[in-house]
């Protein structure tokens, strides 16, 4: 599979890893089937035509827990239409989301289990 990286924003270490994980078959962390146990999606704060980024889908979790620090986790304000959070971590709303600069241990474990 070809991975296309734009010089304008896709040359950062974490973005390259994020896109490579997509190429390997992985999806965004906030789309996991168990995500409602770990984050609250605030639908009213999401830009209408971007809501699909939060749809629950079958994901390759490889028996690993939800990973707030995954390079596949969007940041708290992703696609916000009003500057308010689109995701709130539960039970601890102070957990950082989408701030990873590299793959997490769970990201690496998932790759090793799949391949």
PDB file of N, CA and C in Angstrom:
ATOM      1  N   UNK A   1       0.840  -1.177   0.000  1.00  0.00           N
ATOM      2  CA  UNK A   1       0.000   0.000   0.000  1.00  0.00           C
ATOM      3  C   UNK A   1       0.887   1.242   0.000  1.00  0.00           C
ATOM      4  N   UNK A   2       0.498   2.219  -0.787  1.00  0.00           N
ATOM      5  CA  UNK A   2       1.239   3.473  -0.856  1.00  0.00           C
ATOM      6  C   UNK A   2       0.803   4.391   0.273  1.00  0.00           C
ATOM      7  N   UNK A   3       1.771   5.003   0.931  1.00  0.00           N
ATOM      8  CA  UNK A   3       1.491   5.982   1.982  1.00  0.00           C
ATOM      9  C   UNK A   3       1.894   7.342   1.439  1.00  0.00           C
ATOM     10  N   UNK A   4       0.954   8.266   1.427  1.00  0.00           N
ATOM     11  CA  UNK A   4       1.212   9.607   0.916  1.00  0.00           C
ATOM     12  C   UNK A   4       1.347  10.579   2.077  1.00  0.00           C
ATOM     13  N   UNK A   5       2.470  11.281   2.132  1.00  0.00           N
ATOM     14  CA  UNK A   5       2.731  12.238   3.203  1.00  0.00           C
ATOM     15  C   UNK A   5       2.995  13.609   2.597  1.00  0.00           C
ATOM     16  N   UNK A   6       2.216  14.582   2.990  1.00  0.00           N
ATOM     17  CA  UNK A   6       2.337  15.947   2.489  1.00  0.00           C
ATOM     18  C   UNK A   6       3.389  16.705   3.281  1.00  0.00           C
ATOM     19  N   UNK A   7       4.265  17.412   2.614  1.00  0.00           N
ATOM     20  CA  UNK A   7       5.317  18.174   3.299  1.00  0.00           C
ATOM     21  C   UNK A   7       4.755  19.254   4.209  1.00  0.00           C
ATOM     22  N   UNK A   8       3.525  19.672   3.955  1.00  0.00           N
ATOM     23  CA  UNK A   8       2.924  20.743   4.733  1.00  0.00           C
ATOM     24  C   UNK A   8       2.579  20.379   6.161  1.00  0.00           C
ATOM     25  N   UNK A   9       2.445  19.121   6.491  1.00  0.00           N
ATOM     26  CA  UNK A   9       2.066  18.793   7.856  1.00  0.00           C
ATOM     27  C   UNK A   9       2.272  17.349   8.245  1.00  0.00           C
ATOM     28  N   UNK A  10       2.600  16.511   7.289  1.00  0.00           N
ATOM     29  CA  UNK A  10       2.697  15.078   7.575  1.00  0.00           C
ATOM     30  C   UNK A  10       4.129  14.586   7.736  1.00  0.00           C
ATOM     31  N   UNK A  11       5.048  15.474   8.019  1.00  0.00           N
ATOM     32  CA  UNK A  11       6.439  15.045   8.139  1.00  0.00           C
ATOM     33  C   UNK A  11       6.884  14.912   9.587  1.00  0.00           C
ATOM     34  N   UNK A  12       5.972  15.072  10.508  1.00  0.00           N
ATOM     35  CA  UNK A  12       6.301  14.910  11.919  1.00  0.00           C
ATOM     36  C   UNK A  12       6.305  13.428  12.268  1.00  0.00           C
ATOM     37  N   UNK A  13       7.195  13.058  13.179  1.00  0.00           N
ATOM     38  CA  UNK A  13       7.392  11.665  13.578  1.00  0.00           C
ATOM     39  C   UNK A  13       6.069  10.964  13.910  1.00  0.00           C
ATOM     40  N   UNK A  14       5.249  11.587  14.762  1.00  0.00           N
ATOM     41  CA  UNK A  14       4.005  10.939  15.187  1.00  0.00           C
ATOM     42  C   UNK A  14       3.001  10.828  14.045  1.00  0.00           C
ATOM     43  N   UNK A  15       2.981  11.778  13.135  1.00  0.00           N
ATOM     44  CA  UNK A  15       2.033  11.710  12.019  1.00  0.00           C
ATOM     45  C   UNK A  15       2.448  10.622  11.040  1.00  0.00           C
ATOM     46  N   UNK A  16       3.740  10.493  10.794  1.00  0.00           N
ATOM     47  CA  UNK A  16       4.226   9.418   9.929  1.00  0.00           C
ATOM     48  C   UNK A  16       3.854   8.067  10.536  1.00  0.00           C
ATOM     49  N   UNK A  17       4.078   7.893  11.836  1.00  0.00           N
ATOM     50  CA  UNK A  17       3.717   6.637  12.494  1.00  0.00           C
ATOM     51  C   UNK A  17       2.214   6.403  12.423  1.00  0.00           C
ATOM     52  N   UNK A  18       1.423   7.437  12.639  1.00  0.00           N
ATOM     53  CA  UNK A  18      -0.039   7.349  12.564  1.00  0.00           C
ATOM     54  C   UNK A  18      -0.465   6.840  11.180  1.00  0.00           C
ATOM     55  N   UNK A  19       0.076   7.440  10.134  1.00  0.00           N
ATOM     56  CA  UNK A  19      -0.305   7.051   8.774  1.00  0.00           C
ATOM     57  C   UNK A  19       0.191   5.652   8.427  1.00  0.00           C
ATOM     58  N   UNK A  20       1.359   5.270   8.918  1.00  0.00           N
ATOM     59  CA  UNK A  20       1.847   3.908   8.686  1.00  0.00           C
ATOM     60  C   UNK A  20       0.958   2.882   9.380  1.00  0.00           C
ATOM     61  N   UNK A  21       0.466   3.206  10.571  1.00  0.00           N
ATOM     62  CA  UNK A  21      -0.452   2.289  11.251  1.00  0.00           C
ATOM     63  C   UNK A  21      -1.751   2.145  10.467  1.00  0.00           C
ATOM     64  N   UNK A  22      -2.230   3.219   9.850  1.00  0.00           N
ATOM     65  CA  UNK A  22      -3.389   3.092   8.960  1.00  0.00           C
ATOM     66  C   UNK A  22      -3.076   2.109   7.835  1.00  0.00           C
ATOM     67  N   UNK A  23      -1.900   2.248   7.234  1.00  0.00           N
ATOM     68  CA  UNK A  23      -1.508   1.366   6.134  1.00  0.00           C
ATOM     69  C   UNK A  23      -1.429  -0.089   6.580  1.00  0.00           C
ATOM     70  N   UNK A  24      -1.121  -0.313   7.856  1.00  0.00           N
ATOM     71  CA  UNK A  24      -1.058  -1.673   8.402  1.00  0.00           C
ATOM     72  C   UNK A  24      -2.432  -2.198   8.814  1.00  0.00           C
ATOM     73  N   UNK A  25      -3.468  -1.366   8.698  1.00  0.00           N
ATOM     74  CA  UNK A  25      -4.824  -1.826   8.968  1.00  0.00           C
ATOM     75  C   UNK A  25      -5.440  -1.326  10.255  1.00  0.00           C
ATOM     76  N   UNK A  26      -4.789  -0.419  10.939  1.00  0.00           N
ATOM     77  CA  UNK A  26      -5.301   0.066  12.219  1.00  0.00           C
ATOM     78  C   UNK A  26      -6.153   1.318  12.038  1.00  0.00           C
ATOM     79  N   UNK A  27      -7.124   1.475  12.924  1.00  0.00           N
ATOM     80  CA  UNK A  27      -8.037   2.617  12.895  1.00  0.00           C
ATOM     81  C   UNK A  27      -7.808   3.502  14.111  1.00  0.00           C
ATOM     82  N   UNK A  28      -8.531   4.597  14.149  1.00  0.00           N
ATOM     83  CA  UNK A  28      -8.396   5.533  15.267  1.00  0.00           C
ATOM     84  C   UNK A  28      -8.900   4.914  16.561  1.00  0.00           C
ATOM     85  N   UNK A  29      -8.228   5.228  17.635  1.00  0.00           N
ATOM     86  CA  UNK A  29      -8.558   4.672  18.953  1.00  0.00           C
ATOM     87  C   UNK A  29      -9.993   5.015  19.349  1.00  0.00           C
ATOM     88  N   UNK A  30     -10.440   6.231  19.049  1.00  0.00           N
ATOM     89  CA  UNK A  30     -11.777   6.656  19.466  1.00  0.00           C
ATOM     90  C   UNK A  30     -12.894   5.988  18.673  1.00  0.00           C
ATOM     91  N   UNK A  31     -12.549   5.117  17.717  1.00  0.00           N
ATOM     92  CA  UNK A  31     -13.575   4.374  16.985  1.00  0.00           C
ATOM     93  C   UNK A  31     -13.739   2.943  17.502  1.00  0.00           C
ATOM     94  N   UNK A  32     -12.993   2.573  18.524  1.00  0.00           N
ATOM     95  CA  UNK A  32     -13.084   1.219  19.088  1.00  0.00           C
ATOM     96  C   UNK A  32     -14.496   0.910  19.564  1.00  0.00           C
ATOM     97  N   UNK A  33     -14.854  -0.351  19.528  1.00  0.00           N
ATOM     98  CA  UNK A  33     -16.191  -0.766  19.965  1.00  0.00           C
ATOM     99  C   UNK A  33     -16.407  -0.545  21.453  1.00  0.00           C
ATOM    100  N   UNK A  34     -15.330  -0.502  22.238  1.00  0.00           N
ATOM    101  CA  UNK A  34     -15.454  -0.291  23.685  1.00  0.00           C
ATOM    102  C   UNK A  34     -15.172   1.151  24.095  1.00  0.00           C
ATOM    103  N   UNK A  35     -15.109   2.057  23.153  1.00  0.00           N
ATOM    104  CA  UNK A  35     -14.703   3.427  23.455  1.00  0.00           C
ATOM    105  C   UNK A  35     -15.632   4.138  24.426  1.00  0.00           C
ATOM    106  N   UNK A  36     -16.934   3.811  24.425  1.00  0.00           N
ATOM    107  CA  UNK A  36     -17.872   4.498  25.321  1.00  0.00           C
ATOM    108  C   UNK A  36     -17.588   4.206  26.793  1.00  0.00           C
ATOM    109  N   UNK A  37     -16.783   3.190  27.065  1.00  0.00           N
ATOM    110  CA  UNK A  37     -16.348   2.910  28.432  1.00  0.00           C
ATOM    111  C   UNK A  37     -15.148   3.769  28.831  1.00  0.00           C
ATOM    112  N   UNK A  38     -14.557   4.457  27.853  1.00  0.00           N
ATOM    113  CA  UNK A  38     -13.296   5.157  28.091  1.00  0.00           C
ATOM    114  C   UNK A  38     -13.307   6.640  27.728  1.00  0.00           C
ATOM    115  N   UNK A  39     -14.154   7.009  26.784  1.00  0.00           N
ATOM    116  CA  UNK A  39     -14.310   8.423  26.436  1.00  0.00           C
ATOM    117  C   UNK A  39     -15.781   8.727  26.190  1.00  0.00           C
ATOM    118  N   UNK A  40     -16.142   9.951  26.483  1.00  0.00           N
ATOM    119  CA  UNK A  40     -17.473  10.451  26.129  1.00  0.00           C
ATOM    120  C   UNK A  40     -17.298  11.321  24.894  1.00  0.00           C
ATOM    121  N   UNK A  41     -17.968  10.961  23.811  1.00  0.00           N
ATOM    122  CA  UNK A  41     -17.939  11.785  22.607  1.00  0.00           C
ATOM    123  C   UNK A  41     -19.003  12.860  22.770  1.00  0.00           C
ATOM    124  N   UNK A  42     -18.615  14.113  22.599  1.00  0.00           N
ATOM    125  CA  UNK A  42     -19.541  15.237  22.749  1.00  0.00           C
ATOM    126  C   UNK A  42     -19.985  15.648  21.344  1.00  0.00           C
ATOM    127  N   UNK A  43     -21.025  14.972  20.862  1.00  0.00           N
ATOM    128  CA  UNK A  43     -21.487  15.131  19.484  1.00  0.00           C
ATOM    129  C   UNK A  43     -21.863  16.575  19.147  1.00  0.00           C
ATOM    130  N   UNK A  44     -22.413  17.296  20.103  1.00  0.00           N
ATOM    131  CA  UNK A  44     -22.846  18.677  19.852  1.00  0.00           C
ATOM    132  C   UNK A  44     -21.681  19.618  19.548  1.00  0.00           C
ATOM    133  N   UNK A  45     -20.464  19.222  19.888  1.00  0.00           N
ATOM    134  CA  UNK A  45     -19.298  20.079  19.663  1.00  0.00           C
ATOM    135  C   UNK A  45     -18.551  19.751  18.373  1.00  0.00           C
ATOM    136  N   UNK A  46     -18.991  18.719  17.651  1.00  0.00           N
ATOM    137  CA  UNK A  46     -18.264  18.248  16.469  1.00  0.00           C
ATOM    138  C   UNK A  46     -18.837  18.879  15.201  1.00  0.00           C
ATOM    139  N   UNK A  47     -17.948  19.320  14.327  1.00  0.00           N
ATOM    140  CA  UNK A  47     -18.358  19.827  13.014  1.00  0.00           C
ATOM    141  C   UNK A  47     -19.182  18.738  12.327  1.00  0.00           C
ATOM    142  N   UNK A  48     -20.328  19.115  11.811  1.00  0.00           N
ATOM    143  CA  UNK A  48     -21.302  18.149  11.282  1.00  0.00           C
ATOM    144  C   UNK A  48     -20.697  17.146  10.300  1.00  0.00           C
ATOM    145  N   UNK A  49     -19.976  17.625   9.295  1.00  0.00           N
ATOM    146  CA  UNK A  49     -19.460  16.700   8.277  1.00  0.00           C
ATOM    147  C   UNK A  49     -18.186  15.970   8.712  1.00  0.00           C
ATOM    148  N   UNK A  50     -17.810  16.102   9.985  1.00  0.00           N
ATOM    149  CA  UNK A  50     -16.651  15.396  10.527  1.00  0.00           C
ATOM    150  C   UNK A  50     -17.047  14.352  11.568  1.00  0.00           C
ATOM    151  N   UNK A  51     -18.330  14.202  11.816  1.00  0.00           N
ATOM    152  CA  UNK A  51     -18.796  13.264  12.841  1.00  0.00           C
ATOM    153  C   UNK A  51     -18.439  11.819  12.527  1.00  0.00           C
ATOM    154  N   UNK A  52     -18.268  11.501  11.250  1.00  0.00           N
ATOM    155  CA  UNK A  52     -17.919  10.131  10.871  1.00  0.00           C
ATOM    156  C   UNK A  52     -16.598   9.684  11.506  1.00  0.00           C
ATOM    157  N   UNK A  53     -15.732  10.624  11.861  1.00  0.00           N
ATOM    158  CA  UNK A  53     -14.455  10.294  12.496  1.00  0.00           C
ATOM    159  C   UNK A  53     -14.622   9.683  13.882  1.00  0.00           C
ATOM    160  N   UNK A  54     -15.841   9.707  14.397  1.00  0.00           N
ATOM    161  CA  UNK A  54     -16.119   9.203  15.738  1.00  0.00           C
ATOM    162  C   UNK A  54     -17.061   7.996  15.713  1.00  0.00           C
ATOM    163  N   UNK A  55     -17.394   7.505  14.523  1.00  0.00           N
ATOM    164  CA  UNK A  55     -18.256   6.330  14.417  1.00  0.00           C
ATOM    165  C   UNK A  55     -17.531   5.104  14.960  1.00  0.00           C
ATOM    166  N   UNK A  56     -18.242   4.292  15.723  1.00  0.00           N
ATOM    167  CA  UNK A  56     -17.676   3.038  16.220  1.00  0.00           C
ATOM    168  C   UNK A  56     -17.599   2.047  15.066  1.00  0.00           C
ATOM    169  N   UNK A  57     -16.436   1.419  14.916  1.00  0.00           N
ATOM    170  CA  UNK A  57     -16.237   0.421  13.865  1.00  0.00           C
ATOM    171  C   UNK A  57     -15.477  -0.771  14.443  1.00  0.00           C
ATOM    172  N   UNK A  58     -15.443  -1.862  13.691  1.00  0.00           N
ATOM    173  CA  UNK A  58     -14.621  -3.003  14.092  1.00  0.00           C
ATOM    174  C   UNK A  58     -13.158  -2.590  13.973  1.00  0.00           C
ATOM    175  N   UNK A  59     -12.416  -2.770  15.045  1.00  0.00           N
ATOM    176  CA  UNK A  59     -11.018  -2.353  15.052  1.00  0.00           C
ATOM    177  C   UNK A  59     -10.114  -3.513  15.441  1.00  0.00           C
ATOM    178  N   UNK A  60      -8.836  -3.385  15.134  1.00  0.00           N
ATOM    179  CA  UNK A  60      -7.849  -4.419  15.435  1.00  0.00           C
ATOM    180  C   UNK A  60      -7.211  -4.133  16.792  1.00  0.00           C
ATOM    181  N   UNK A  61      -7.954  -4.406  17.852  1.00  0.00           N
ATOM    182  CA  UNK A  61      -7.476  -4.095  19.202  1.00  0.00           C
ATOM    183  C   UNK A  61      -6.455  -5.096  19.713  1.00  0.00           C
ATOM    184  N   UNK A  62      -6.456  -6.292  19.137  1.00  0.00           N
ATOM    185  CA  UNK A  62      -5.491  -7.326  19.508  1.00  0.00           C
ATOM    186  C   UNK A  62      -5.471  -7.618  21.004  1.00  0.00           C
ATOM    187  N   UNK A  63      -6.647  -7.547  21.643  1.00  0.00           N
ATOM    188  CA  UNK A  63      -6.741  -7.878  23.064  1.00  0.00           C
ATOM    189  C   UNK A  63      -6.063  -6.882  23.981  1.00  0.00           C
ATOM    190  N   UNK A  64      -5.860  -5.674  23.516  1.00  0.00           N
ATOM    191  CA  UNK A  64      -5.197  -4.650  24.329  1.00  0.00           C
ATOM    192  C   UNK A  64      -6.227  -3.663  24.869  1.00  0.00           C
ATOM    193  N   UNK A  65      -5.911  -3.007  25.976  1.00  0.00           N
ATOM    194  CA  UNK A  65      -6.853  -2.047  26.560  1.00  0.00           C
ATOM    195  C   UNK A  65      -6.919  -0.759  25.745  1.00  0.00           C
ATOM    196  N   UNK A  66      -7.964   0.022  26.002  1.00  0.00           N
ATOM    197  CA  UNK A  66      -8.071   1.346  25.385  1.00  0.00           C
ATOM    198  C   UNK A  66      -6.826   2.136  25.756  1.00  0.00           C
ATOM    199  N   UNK A  67      -6.277   2.838  24.787  1.00  0.00           N
ATOM    200  CA  UNK A  67      -4.985   3.497  24.984  1.00  0.00           C
ATOM    201  C   UNK A  67      -5.096   4.994  24.699  1.00  0.00           C
ATOM    202  N   UNK A  68      -5.246   5.773  25.758  1.00  0.00           N
ATOM    203  CA  UNK A  68      -5.336   7.230  25.620  1.00  0.00           C
ATOM    204  C   UNK A  68      -4.073   7.819  24.995  1.00  0.00           C
ATOM    205  N   UNK A  69      -2.953   7.132  25.144  1.00  0.00           N
ATOM    206  CA  UNK A  69      -1.683   7.649  24.635  1.00  0.00           C
ATOM    207  C   UNK A  69      -1.292   7.043  23.287  1.00  0.00           C
ATOM    208  N   UNK A  70      -2.218   6.333  22.657  1.00  0.00           N
ATOM    209  CA  UNK A  70      -1.946   5.780  21.335  1.00  0.00           C
ATOM    210  C   UNK A  70      -1.720   6.895  20.327  1.00  0.00           C
ATOM    211  N   UNK A  71      -0.825   6.650  19.390  1.00  0.00           N
ATOM    212  CA  UNK A  71      -0.606   7.601  18.308  1.00  0.00           C
ATOM    213  C   UNK A  71      -1.842   7.658  17.401  1.00  0.00           C
ATOM    214  N   UNK A  72      -2.768   6.718  17.586  1.00  0.00           N
ATOM    215  CA  UNK A  72      -4.010   6.677  16.812  1.00  0.00           C
ATOM    216  C   UNK A  72      -5.165   7.389  17.518  1.00  0.00           C
ATOM    217  N   UNK A  73      -4.925   7.934  18.688  1.00  0.00           N
ATOM    218  CA  UNK A  73      -5.959   8.660  19.441  1.00  0.00           C
ATOM    219  C   UNK A  73      -5.956  10.127  19.034  1.00  0.00           C
ATOM    220  N   UNK A  74      -7.099  10.621  18.579  1.00  0.00           N
ATOM    221  CA  UNK A  74      -7.219  12.052  18.267  1.00  0.00           C
ATOM    222  C   UNK A  74      -7.146  12.868  19.543  1.00  0.00           C
ATOM    223  N   UNK A  75      -6.785  14.137  19.393  1.00  0.00           N
ATOM    224  CA  UNK A  75      -6.711  15.019  20.552  1.00  0.00           C
ATOM    225  C   UNK A  75      -8.111  15.456  20.980  1.00  0.00           C
ATOM    226  N   UNK A  76      -8.193  15.938  22.179  1.00  0.00           N
ATOM    227  CA  UNK A  76      -9.448  16.265  22.866  1.00  0.00           C
ATOM    228  C   UNK A  76     -10.367  17.203  22.080  1.00  0.00           C
ATOM    229  N   UNK A  77      -9.813  18.101  21.281  1.00  0.00           N
ATOM    230  CA  UNK A  77     -10.604  19.113  20.563  1.00  0.00           C
ATOM    231  C   UNK A  77     -10.711  18.820  19.065  1.00  0.00           C
ATOM    232  N   UNK A  78     -10.424  17.593  18.663  1.00  0.00           N
ATOM    233  CA  UNK A  78     -10.437  17.241  17.243  1.00  0.00           C
ATOM    234  C   UNK A  78     -11.791  17.554  16.618  1.00  0.00           C
ATOM    235  N   UNK A  79     -11.765  18.303  15.532  1.00  0.00           N
ATOM    236  CA  UNK A  79     -12.954  18.649  14.749  1.00  0.00           C
ATOM    237  C   UNK A  79     -14.000  19.423  15.543  1.00  0.00           C
ATOM    238  N   UNK A  80     -13.542  20.205  16.520  1.00  0.00           N
ATOM    239  CA  UNK A  80     -14.466  21.018  17.314  1.00  0.00           C
ATOM    240  C   UNK A  80     -14.985  22.185  16.480  1.00  0.00           C
ATOM    241  N   UNK A  81     -16.281  22.430  16.576  1.00  0.00           N
ATOM    242  CA  UNK A  81     -16.871  23.553  15.849  1.00  0.00           C
ATOM    243  C   UNK A  81     -16.964  24.812  16.703  1.00  0.00           C
ATOM    244  N   UNK A  82     -16.678  24.668  18.003  1.00  0.00           N
ATOM    245  CA  UNK A  82     -16.896  25.792  18.910  1.00  0.00           C
ATOM    246  C   UNK A  82     -15.770  25.979  19.929  1.00  0.00           C
ATOM    247  N   UNK A  83     -14.654  25.275  19.734  1.00  0.00           N
ATOM    248  CA  UNK A  83     -13.533  25.402  20.658  1.00  0.00           C
ATOM    249  C   UNK A  83     -13.678  24.602  21.935  1.00  0.00           C
ATOM    250  N   UNK A  84     -14.750  23.831  22.038  1.00  0.00           N
ATOM    251  CA  UNK A  84     -14.985  22.985  23.209  1.00  0.00           C
ATOM    252  C   UNK A  84     -14.564  21.557  22.891  1.00  0.00           C
ATOM    253  N   UNK A  85     -14.297  20.742  23.917  1.00  0.00           N
ATOM    254  CA  UNK A  85     -13.843  19.367  23.683  1.00  0.00           C
ATOM    255  C   UNK A  85     -14.863  18.538  22.899  1.00  0.00           C
ATOM    256  N   UNK A  86     -14.346  17.681  22.037  1.00  0.00           N
ATOM    257  CA  UNK A  86     -15.192  16.719  21.329  1.00  0.00           C
ATOM    258  C   UNK A  86     -15.123  15.346  21.986  1.00  0.00           C
ATOM    259  N   UNK A  87     -14.136  15.165  22.861  1.00  0.00           N
ATOM    260  CA  UNK A  87     -13.987  13.917  23.611  1.00  0.00           C
ATOM    261  C   UNK A  87     -13.563  14.242  25.030  1.00  0.00           C
ATOM    262  N   UNK A  88     -14.164  13.523  25.966  1.00  0.00           N
ATOM    263  CA  UNK A  88     -13.805  13.678  27.374  1.00  0.00           C
ATOM    264  C   UNK A  88     -13.455  12.298  27.909  1.00  0.00           C
ATOM    265  N   UNK A  89     -12.235  12.106  28.405  1.00  0.00           N
ATOM    266  CA  UNK A  89     -11.867  10.798  28.949  1.00  0.00           C
ATOM    267  C   UNK A  89     -12.658  10.489  30.210  1.00  0.00           C
ATOM    268  N   UNK A  90     -13.033   9.221  30.369  1.00  0.00           N
ATOM    269  CA  UNK A  90     -13.710   8.778  31.587  1.00  0.00           C
ATOM    270  C   UNK A  90     -12.962   7.557  32.123  1.00  0.00           C
ATOM    271  N   UNK A  91     -12.885   7.395  33.414  1.00  0.00           N
ATOM    272  CA  UNK A  91     -13.507   8.195  34.466  1.00  0.00           C
ATOM    273  C   UNK A  91     -12.717   9.449  34.828  1.00  0.00           C
ATOM    274  N   UNK A  92     -11.458   9.564  34.407  1.00  0.00           N
ATOM    275  CA  UNK A  92     -10.610  10.702  34.781  1.00  0.00           C
ATOM    276  C   UNK A  92     -10.525  11.677  33.614  1.00  0.00           C
ATOM    277  N   UNK A  93     -11.253  12.785  33.707  1.00  0.00           N
ATOM    278  CA  UNK A  93     -11.277  13.712  32.579  1.00  0.00           C
ATOM    279  C   UNK A  93      -9.999  14.538  32.441  1.00  0.00           C
ATOM    280  N   UNK A  94      -9.024  14.307  33.308  1.00  0.00           N
ATOM    281  CA  UNK A  94      -7.740  15.005  33.209  1.00  0.00           C
ATOM    282  C   UNK A  94      -6.704  14.245  32.387  1.00  0.00           C
ATOM    283  N   UNK A  95      -7.046  13.037  31.953  1.00  0.00           N
ATOM    284  CA  UNK A  95      -6.126  12.249  31.132  1.00  0.00           C
ATOM    285  C   UNK A  95      -5.894  12.981  29.808  1.00  0.00           C
ATOM    286  N   UNK A  96      -4.649  13.013  29.360  1.00  0.00           N
ATOM    287  CA  UNK A  96      -4.335  13.650  28.086  1.00  0.00           C
ATOM    288  C   UNK A  96      -4.762  12.749  26.934  1.00  0.00           C
ATOM    289  N   UNK A  97      -5.263  13.375  25.875  1.00  0.00           N
ATOM    290  CA  UNK A  97      -5.681  12.655  24.670  1.00  0.00           C
ATOM    291  C   UNK A  97      -4.931  13.205  23.462  1.00  0.00           C
ATOM    292  N   UNK A  98      -4.428  12.301  22.640  1.00  0.00           N
ATOM    293  CA  UNK A  98      -3.862  12.706  21.367  1.00  0.00           C
ATOM    294  C   UNK A  98      -2.637  13.581  21.440  1.00  0.00           C
ATOM    295  N   UNK A  99      -1.839  13.410  22.467  1.00  0.00           N
ATOM    296  CA  UNK A  99      -0.639  14.239  22.609  1.00  0.00           C
ATOM    297  C   UNK A  99       0.647  13.445  22.378  1.00  0.00           C
ATOM    298  N   UNK A 100       0.519  12.196  21.965  1.00  0.00           N
ATOM    299  CA  UNK A 100       1.703  11.341  21.798  1.00  0.00           C
ATOM    300  C   UNK A 100       2.603  11.836  20.678  1.00  0.00           C
ATOM    301  N   UNK A 101       3.881  11.725  20.908  1.00  0.00           N
ATOM    302  CA  UNK A 101       4.861  12.083  19.889  1.00  0.00           C
ATOM    303  C   UNK A 101       5.461  10.850  19.227  1.00  0.00           C
ATOM    304  N   UNK A 102       5.039   9.666  19.702  1.00  0.00           N
ATOM    305  CA  UNK A 102       5.504   8.411  19.121  1.00  0.00           C
ATOM    306  C   UNK A 102       4.531   7.304  19.502  1.00  0.00           C
ATOM    307  N   UNK A 103       4.700   6.147  18.865  1.00  0.00           N
ATOM    308  CA  UNK A 103       3.824   5.022  19.167  1.00  0.00           C
ATOM    309  C   UNK A 103       3.931   4.649  20.636  1.00  0.00           C
ATOM    310  N   UNK A 104       2.797   4.280  21.208  1.00  0.00           N
ATOM    311  CA  UNK A 104       2.769   3.825  22.599  1.00  0.00           C
ATOM    312  C   UNK A 104       3.177   2.356  22.659  1.00  0.00           C
ATOM    313  N   UNK A 105       3.370   1.862  23.859  1.00  0.00           N
ATOM    314  CA  UNK A 105       3.681   0.444  24.038  1.00  0.00           C
ATOM    315  C   UNK A 105       2.549  -0.431  23.511  1.00  0.00           C
ATOM    316  N   UNK A 106       1.299   0.004  23.690  1.00  0.00           N
ATOM    317  CA  UNK A 106       0.171  -0.767  23.160  1.00  0.00           C
ATOM    318  C   UNK A 106       0.127  -0.736  21.640  1.00  0.00           C
ATOM    319  N   UNK A 107       0.484   0.384  21.019  1.00  0.00           N
ATOM    320  CA  UNK A 107       0.563   0.431  19.556  1.00  0.00           C
ATOM    321  C   UNK A 107       1.553  -0.620  19.062  1.00  0.00           C
ATOM    322  N   UNK A 108       2.711  -0.669  19.690  1.00  0.00           N
ATOM    323  CA  UNK A 108       3.758  -1.616  19.301  1.00  0.00           C
ATOM    324  C   UNK A 108       3.299  -3.049  19.549  1.00  0.00           C
ATOM    325  N   UNK A 109       2.659  -3.283  20.687  1.00  0.00           N
ATOM    326  CA  UNK A 109       2.155  -4.619  21.009  1.00  0.00           C
ATOM    327  C   UNK A 109       1.131  -5.081  19.976  1.00  0.00           C
ATOM    328  N   UNK A 110       0.242  -4.199  19.561  1.00  0.00           N
ATOM    329  CA  UNK A 110      -0.777  -4.550  18.559  1.00  0.00           C
ATOM    330  C   UNK A 110      -0.134  -4.954  17.239  1.00  0.00           C
ATOM    331  N   UNK A 111       0.879  -4.217  16.822  1.00  0.00           N
ATOM    332  CA  UNK A 111       1.582  -4.562  15.581  1.00  0.00           C
ATOM    333  C   UNK A 111       2.229  -5.935  15.716  1.00  0.00           C
ATOM    334  N   UNK A 112       2.909  -6.173  16.826  1.00  0.00           N
ATOM    335  CA  UNK A 112       3.572  -7.465  17.034  1.00  0.00           C
ATOM    336  C   UNK A 112       2.582  -8.613  17.080  1.00  0.00           C
ATOM    337  N   UNK A 113       1.425  -8.406  17.675  1.00  0.00           N
ATOM    338  CA  UNK A 113       0.420  -9.472  17.741  1.00  0.00           C
ATOM    339  C   UNK A 113      -0.205  -9.752  16.377  1.00  0.00           C
ATOM    340  N   UNK A 114      -0.370  -8.712  15.573  1.00  0.00           N
ATOM    341  CA  UNK A 114      -1.001  -8.895  14.264  1.00  0.00           C
ATOM    342  C   UNK A 114      -0.032  -9.454  13.238  1.00  0.00           C
ATOM    343  N   UNK A 115       1.224  -9.018  13.318  1.00  0.00           N
ATOM    344  CA  UNK A 115       2.193  -9.415  12.303  1.00  0.00           C
ATOM    345  C   UNK A 115       3.297 -10.275  12.864  1.00  0.00           C
TER     346      UNK A 115
END
